[in-house]
PDB file of N, CA and C in Angstrom:
ATOM      1  N   MET A   1      22.372  10.592 -99.875  1.00  0.00           N
ATOM      2  CA  MET A   1      22.059   9.702 -98.779  1.00  0.00           C
ATOM      3  C   MET A   1      23.363   9.133 -98.215  1.00  0.00           C
ATOM      4  N   PRO A   2      23.490   9.086 -96.898  1.00  0.00           N
ATOM      5  CA  PRO A   2      24.708   8.542 -96.281  1.00  0.00           C
ATOM      6  C   PRO A   2      24.908   7.077 -96.642  1.00  0.00           C
ATOM      7  N   SER A   3      26.159   6.694 -96.818  1.00  0.00           N
ATOM      8  CA  SER A   3      26.453   5.305 -97.183  1.00  0.00           C
ATOM      9  C   SER A   3      26.779   4.440 -95.983  1.00  0.00           C
ATOM     10  N   SER A   4      26.908   5.047 -94.798  1.00  0.00           N
ATOM     11  CA  SER A   4      27.183   4.275 -93.594  1.00  0.00           C
ATOM     12  C   SER A   4      26.610   5.008 -92.390  1.00  0.00           C
ATOM     13  N   PRO A   5      26.404   4.281 -91.274  1.00  0.00           N
ATOM     14  CA  PRO A   5      25.869   4.943 -90.094  1.00  0.00           C
ATOM     15  C   PRO A   5      26.818   5.996 -89.528  1.00  0.00           C
ATOM     16  N   ALA A   6      28.116   5.842 -89.751  1.00  0.00           N
ATOM     17  CA  ALA A   6      29.084   6.804 -89.226  1.00  0.00           C
ATOM     18  C   ALA A   6      28.846   8.203 -89.787  1.00  0.00           C
ATOM     19  N   GLU A   7      28.324   8.303 -90.995  1.00  0.00           N
ATOM     20  CA  GLU A   7      28.069   9.599 -91.606  1.00  0.00           C
ATOM     21  C   GLU A   7      26.891  10.322 -90.963  1.00  0.00           C
ATOM     22  N   LEU A   8      26.105   9.620 -90.165  1.00  0.00           N
ATOM     23  CA  LEU A   8      24.950  10.212 -89.509  1.00  0.00           C
ATOM     24  C   LEU A   8      25.243  10.698 -88.094  1.00  0.00           C
ATOM     25  N   LEU A   9      26.418  10.388 -87.552  1.00  0.00           N
ATOM     26  CA  LEU A   9      26.704  10.630 -86.147  1.00  0.00           C
ATOM     27  C   LEU A   9      26.696  12.111 -85.796  1.00  0.00           C
ATOM     28  N   SER A  10      26.244  12.385 -84.573  1.00  0.00           N
ATOM     29  CA  SER A  10      26.155  13.759 -84.088  1.00  0.00           C
ATOM     30  C   SER A  10      27.054  13.913 -82.864  1.00  0.00           C
ATOM     31  N   GLU A  11      26.879  15.000 -82.155  1.00  0.00           N
ATOM     32  CA  GLU A  11      27.637  15.243 -80.937  1.00  0.00           C
ATOM     33  C   GLU A  11      26.933  14.653 -79.715  1.00  0.00           C
ATOM     34  N   GLN A  12      25.819  13.967 -79.920  1.00  0.00           N
ATOM     35  CA  GLN A  12      25.042  13.392 -78.828  1.00  0.00           C
ATOM     36  C   GLN A  12      25.158  11.873 -78.864  1.00  0.00           C
ATOM     37  N   PRO A  13      26.027  11.287 -78.021  1.00  0.00           N
ATOM     38  CA  PRO A  13      26.256   9.844 -78.057  1.00  0.00           C
ATOM     39  C   PRO A  13      24.992   9.009 -77.896  1.00  0.00           C
ATOM     40  N   GLY A  14      24.068   9.412 -77.046  1.00  0.00           N
ATOM     41  CA  GLY A  14      22.830   8.648 -76.861  1.00  0.00           C
ATOM     42  C   GLY A  14      22.022   8.558 -78.144  1.00  0.00           C
ATOM     43  N   ALA A  15      21.935   9.669 -78.847  1.00  0.00           N
ATOM     44  CA  ALA A  15      21.207   9.692 -80.113  1.00  0.00           C
ATOM     45  C   ALA A  15      21.942   8.867 -81.164  1.00  0.00           C
ATOM     46  N   ASP A  16      23.265   8.882 -81.106  1.00  0.00           N
ATOM     47  CA  ASP A  16      24.055   8.120 -82.069  1.00  0.00           C
ATOM     48  C   ASP A  16      23.798   6.625 -81.943  1.00  0.00           C
ATOM     49  N   VAL A  17      23.659   6.145 -80.711  1.00  0.00           N
ATOM     50  CA  VAL A  17      23.381   4.716 -80.502  1.00  0.00           C
ATOM     51  C   VAL A  17      22.075   4.349 -81.194  1.00  0.00           C
ATOM     52  N   GLU A  18      21.075   5.182 -81.032  1.00  0.00           N
ATOM     53  CA  GLU A  18      19.779   4.911 -81.665  1.00  0.00           C
ATOM     54  C   GLU A  18      19.889   4.960 -83.186  1.00  0.00           C
ATOM     55  N   LEU A  19      20.683   5.890 -83.719  1.00  0.00           N
ATOM     56  CA  LEU A  19      20.870   5.970 -85.175  1.00  0.00           C
ATOM     57  C   LEU A  19      21.539   4.714 -85.728  1.00  0.00           C
ATOM     58  N   VAL A  20      22.581   4.246 -85.025  1.00  0.00           N
ATOM     59  CA  VAL A  20      23.299   3.052 -85.491  1.00  0.00           C
ATOM     60  C   VAL A  20      22.385   1.837 -85.438  1.00  0.00           C
ATOM     61  N   LEU A  21      21.630   1.703 -84.361  1.00  0.00           N
ATOM     62  CA  LEU A  21      20.698   0.569 -84.265  1.00  0.00           C
ATOM     63  C   LEU A  21      19.604   0.659 -85.329  1.00  0.00           C
ATOM     64  N   ALA A  22      19.097   1.858 -85.573  1.00  0.00           N
ATOM     65  CA  ALA A  22      18.064   2.018 -86.600  1.00  0.00           C
ATOM     66  C   ALA A  22      18.611   1.662 -87.982  1.00  0.00           C
ATOM     67  N   TRP A  23      19.853   2.055 -88.245  1.00  0.00           N
ATOM     68  CA  TRP A  23      20.486   1.741 -89.534  1.00  0.00           C
ATOM     69  C   TRP A  23      20.514   0.232 -89.773  1.00  0.00           C
ATOM     70  N   HIS A  24      20.686  -0.524 -88.678  1.00  0.00           N
ATOM     71  CA  HIS A  24      20.757  -1.985 -88.763  1.00  0.00           C
ATOM     72  C   HIS A  24      19.439  -2.649 -88.396  1.00  0.00           C
ATOM     73  N   HIS A  25      18.353  -1.882 -88.455  1.00  0.00           N
ATOM     74  CA  HIS A  25      16.997  -2.400 -88.197  1.00  0.00           C
ATOM     75  C   HIS A  25      16.893  -3.080 -86.836  1.00  0.00           C
ATOM     76  N   GLY A  26      17.553  -2.497 -85.826  1.00  0.00           N
ATOM     77  CA  GLY A  26      17.486  -3.012 -84.468  1.00  0.00           C
ATOM     78  C   GLY A  26      18.374  -4.204 -84.180  1.00  0.00           C
ATOM     79  N   ASP A  27      19.162  -4.641 -85.143  1.00  0.00           N
ATOM     80  CA  ASP A  27      20.051  -5.802 -84.951  1.00  0.00           C
ATOM     81  C   ASP A  27      21.354  -5.335 -84.295  1.00  0.00           C
ATOM     82  N   ALA A  28      21.447  -5.551 -82.970  1.00  0.00           N
ATOM     83  CA  ALA A  28      22.610  -5.080 -82.222  1.00  0.00           C
ATOM     84  C   ALA A  28      23.890  -5.775 -82.668  1.00  0.00           C
ATOM     85  N   ARG A  29      23.813  -7.058 -83.000  1.00  0.00           N
ATOM     86  CA  ARG A  29      25.015  -7.771 -83.456  1.00  0.00           C
ATOM     87  C   ARG A  29      25.544  -7.190 -84.764  1.00  0.00           C
ATOM     88  N   ALA A  30      24.669  -6.878 -85.675  1.00  0.00           N
ATOM     89  CA  ALA A  30      25.093  -6.273 -86.943  1.00  0.00           C
ATOM     90  C   ALA A  30      25.695  -4.892 -86.701  1.00  0.00           C
ATOM     91  N   ALA A  31      25.105  -4.130 -85.779  1.00  0.00           N
ATOM     92  CA  ALA A  31      25.629  -2.803 -85.463  1.00  0.00           C
ATOM     93  C   ALA A  31      27.029  -2.906 -84.871  1.00  0.00           C
ATOM     94  N   ILE A  32      27.223  -3.832 -83.943  1.00  0.00           N
ATOM     95  CA  ILE A  32      28.540  -4.022 -83.331  1.00  0.00           C
ATOM     96  C   ILE A  32      29.548  -4.476 -84.379  1.00  0.00           C
ATOM     97  N   ALA A  33      29.155  -5.392 -85.237  1.00  0.00           N
ATOM     98  CA  ALA A  33      30.062  -5.885 -86.280  1.00  0.00           C
ATOM     99  C   ALA A  33      30.501  -4.744 -87.202  1.00  0.00           C
ATOM    100  N   THR A  34      29.570  -3.885 -87.577  1.00  0.00           N
ATOM    101  CA  THR A  34      29.900  -2.751 -88.438  1.00  0.00           C
ATOM    102  C   THR A  34      30.860  -1.796 -87.741  1.00  0.00           C
ATOM    103  N   LEU A  35      30.591  -1.494 -86.478  1.00  0.00           N
ATOM    104  CA  LEU A  35      31.458  -0.571 -85.741  1.00  0.00           C
ATOM    105  C   LEU A  35      32.853  -1.157 -85.532  1.00  0.00           C
ATOM    106  N   LEU A  36      32.935  -2.454 -85.280  1.00  0.00           N
ATOM    107  CA  LEU A  36      34.249  -3.086 -85.151  1.00  0.00           C
ATOM    108  C   LEU A  36      35.008  -3.066 -86.473  1.00  0.00           C
ATOM    109  N   GLU A  37      34.306  -3.272 -87.565  1.00  0.00           N
ATOM    110  CA  GLU A  37      34.953  -3.202 -88.878  1.00  0.00           C
ATOM    111  C   GLU A  37      35.443  -1.777 -89.153  1.00  0.00           C
ATOM    112  N   ASP A  38      34.652  -0.774 -88.757  1.00  0.00           N
ATOM    113  CA  ASP A  38      35.092   0.618 -88.895  1.00  0.00           C
ATOM    114  C   ASP A  38      36.366   0.860 -88.087  1.00  0.00           C
ATOM    115  N   CYS A  39      36.412   0.357 -86.858  1.00  0.00           N
ATOM    116  CA  CYS A  39      37.615   0.505 -86.017  1.00  0.00           C
ATOM    117  C   CYS A  39      38.811  -0.168 -86.676  1.00  0.00           C
ATOM    118  N   ARG A  40      38.615  -1.368 -87.204  1.00  0.00           N
ATOM    119  CA  ARG A  40      39.700  -2.094 -87.866  1.00  0.00           C
ATOM    120  C   ARG A  40      40.228  -1.297 -89.064  1.00  0.00           C
ATOM    121  N   HIS A  41      39.313  -0.762 -89.848  1.00  0.00           N
ATOM    122  CA  HIS A  41      39.706   0.028 -91.018  1.00  0.00           C
ATOM    123  C   HIS A  41      40.501   1.265 -90.594  1.00  0.00           C
ATOM    124  N   LEU A  42      40.027   1.969 -89.566  1.00  0.00           N
ATOM    125  CA  LEU A  42      40.724   3.172 -89.119  1.00  0.00           C
ATOM    126  C   LEU A  42      42.101   2.861 -88.561  1.00  0.00           C
ATOM    127  N   ARG A  43      42.246   1.733 -87.866  1.00  0.00           N
ATOM    128  CA  ARG A  43      43.574   1.326 -87.369  1.00  0.00           C
ATOM    129  C   ARG A  43      44.520   1.043 -88.537  1.00  0.00           C
ATOM    130  N   GLN A  44      44.009   0.417 -89.583  1.00  0.00           N
ATOM    131  CA  GLN A  44      44.844   0.170 -90.765  1.00  0.00           C
ATOM    132  C   GLN A  44      45.264   1.493 -91.401  1.00  0.00           C
ATOM    133  N   GLN A  45      44.331   2.444 -91.469  1.00  0.00           N
ATOM    134  CA  GLN A  45      44.656   3.747 -92.040  1.00  0.00           C
ATOM    135  C   GLN A  45      45.705   4.471 -91.194  1.00  0.00           C
ATOM    136  N   MET A  46      45.604   4.352 -89.868  1.00  0.00           N
ATOM    137  CA  MET A  46      46.602   4.966 -88.998  1.00  0.00           C
ATOM    138  C   MET A  46      47.972   4.323 -89.188  1.00  0.00           C
ATOM    139  N   ALA A  47      48.005   3.015 -89.352  1.00  0.00           N
ATOM    140  CA  ALA A  47      49.281   2.330 -89.564  1.00  0.00           C
ATOM    141  C   ALA A  47      49.920   2.789 -90.874  1.00  0.00           C
ATOM    142  N   LEU A  48      49.126   2.931 -91.917  1.00  0.00           N
ATOM    143  CA  LEU A  48      49.649   3.415 -93.194  1.00  0.00           C
ATOM    144  C   LEU A  48      50.161   4.850 -93.072  1.00  0.00           C
ATOM    145  N   THR A  49      49.427   5.677 -92.365  1.00  0.00           N
ATOM    146  CA  THR A  49      49.847   7.065 -92.165  1.00  0.00           C
ATOM    147  C   THR A  49      51.146   7.134 -91.388  1.00  0.00           C
ATOM    148  N   GLU A  50      51.244   6.327 -90.347  1.00  0.00           N
ATOM    149  CA  GLU A  50      52.461   6.313 -89.541  1.00  0.00           C
ATOM    150  C   GLU A  50      53.662   5.887 -90.376  1.00  0.00           C
ATOM    151  N   ALA A  51      53.472   4.889 -91.217  1.00  0.00           N
ATOM    152  CA  ALA A  51      54.576   4.383 -92.034  1.00  0.00           C
ATOM    153  C   ALA A  51      55.003   5.378 -93.112  1.00  0.00           C
ATOM    154  N   SER A  52      54.079   6.218 -93.564  1.00  0.00           N
ATOM    155  CA  SER A  52      54.401   7.104 -94.678  1.00  0.00           C
ATOM    156  C   SER A  52      54.720   8.534 -94.257  1.00  0.00           C
ATOM    157  N   SER A  53      54.613   8.855 -92.986  1.00  0.00           N
ATOM    158  CA  SER A  53      54.878  10.219 -92.510  1.00  0.00           C
ATOM    159  C   SER A  53      56.159  10.257 -91.696  1.00  0.00           C
ATOM    160  N   SER A  54      56.972  11.255 -91.969  1.00  0.00           N
ATOM    161  CA  SER A  54      58.195  11.413 -91.184  1.00  0.00           C
ATOM    162  C   SER A  54      57.878  12.119 -89.875  1.00  0.00           C
ATOM    163  N   VAL A  55      58.755  11.989 -88.902  1.00  0.00           N
ATOM    164  CA  VAL A  55      58.559  12.650 -87.611  1.00  0.00           C
ATOM    165  C   VAL A  55      58.565  14.165 -87.801  1.00  0.00           C
ATOM    166  N   GLY A  56      59.400  14.666 -88.690  1.00  0.00           N
ATOM    167  CA  GLY A  56      59.439  16.100 -88.944  1.00  0.00           C
ATOM    168  C   GLY A  56      58.143  16.609 -89.547  1.00  0.00           C
ATOM    169  N   PHE A  57      57.527  15.825 -90.383  1.00  0.00           N
ATOM    170  CA  PHE A  57      56.261  16.207 -91.021  1.00  0.00           C
ATOM    171  C   PHE A  57      55.165  16.373 -89.977  1.00  0.00           C
ATOM    172  N   THR A  58      55.161  15.502 -88.980  1.00  0.00           N
ATOM    173  CA  THR A  58      54.108  15.533 -87.964  1.00  0.00           C
ATOM    174  C   THR A  58      54.544  16.252 -86.697  1.00  0.00           C
ATOM    175  N   ARG A  59      55.720  16.868 -86.711  1.00  0.00           N
ATOM    176  CA  ARG A  59      56.271  17.608 -85.571  1.00  0.00           C
ATOM    177  C   ARG A  59      56.313  16.755 -84.314  1.00  0.00           C
ATOM    178  N   GLY A  60      56.692  15.495 -84.478  1.00  0.00           N
ATOM    179  CA  GLY A  60      56.861  14.605 -83.344  1.00  0.00           C
ATOM    180  C   GLY A  60      55.625  13.841 -82.935  1.00  0.00           C
ATOM    181  N   TRP A  61      54.464  14.157 -83.512  1.00  0.00           N
ATOM    182  CA  TRP A  61      53.234  13.465 -83.154  1.00  0.00           C
ATOM    183  C   TRP A  61      53.270  12.036 -83.677  1.00  0.00           C
ATOM    184  N   ARG A  62      52.834  11.109 -82.873  1.00  0.00           N
ATOM    185  CA  ARG A  62      52.707   9.718 -83.277  1.00  0.00           C
ATOM    186  C   ARG A  62      51.276   9.282 -82.977  1.00  0.00           C
ATOM    187  N   PRO A  63      50.658   8.502 -83.841  1.00  0.00           N
ATOM    188  CA  PRO A  63      49.298   8.064 -83.564  1.00  0.00           C
ATOM    189  C   PRO A  63      49.236   7.151 -82.350  1.00  0.00           C
ATOM    190  N   ALA A  64      48.158   7.232 -81.629  1.00  0.00           N
ATOM    191  CA  ALA A  64      47.917   6.353 -80.475  1.00  0.00           C
ATOM    192  C   ALA A  64      46.783   5.400 -80.854  1.00  0.00           C
ATOM    193  N   TYR A  65      47.050   4.123 -80.742  1.00  0.00           N
ATOM    194  CA  TYR A  65      46.051   3.150 -81.140  1.00  0.00           C
ATOM    195  C   TYR A  65      45.021   2.877 -80.054  1.00  0.00           C
ATOM    196  N   GLU A  66      45.319   3.287 -78.835  1.00  0.00           N
ATOM    197  CA  GLU A  66      44.374   3.136 -77.725  1.00  0.00           C
ATOM    198  C   GLU A  66      44.027   4.531 -77.217  1.00  0.00           C
ATOM    199  N   ARG A  67      42.811   4.688 -76.761  1.00  0.00           N
ATOM    200  CA  ARG A  67      42.416   5.993 -76.201  1.00  0.00           C
ATOM    201  C   ARG A  67      43.076   6.193 -74.846  1.00  0.00           C
ATOM    202  N   PRO A  68      43.479   7.437 -74.546  1.00  0.00           N
ATOM    203  CA  PRO A  68      44.108   7.706 -73.237  1.00  0.00           C
ATOM    204  C   PRO A  68      43.112   7.572 -72.095  1.00  0.00           C
TER     205      PRO A  68
END
């Protein structure tokens, strides 16, 4: 069984919204809070990766914290 709503996500964004809301029993505030916490966690993981990877290892790639 999935441990978070993110593990249920598909390639269909509309369906994903319904899955996330269903996971939180229709509580939109709880769904938003969970998604924001996921974003915060992923940003921390990106910062750790950036600090521990050399430019040569990533062939010049640097993480972008904002979507283009």
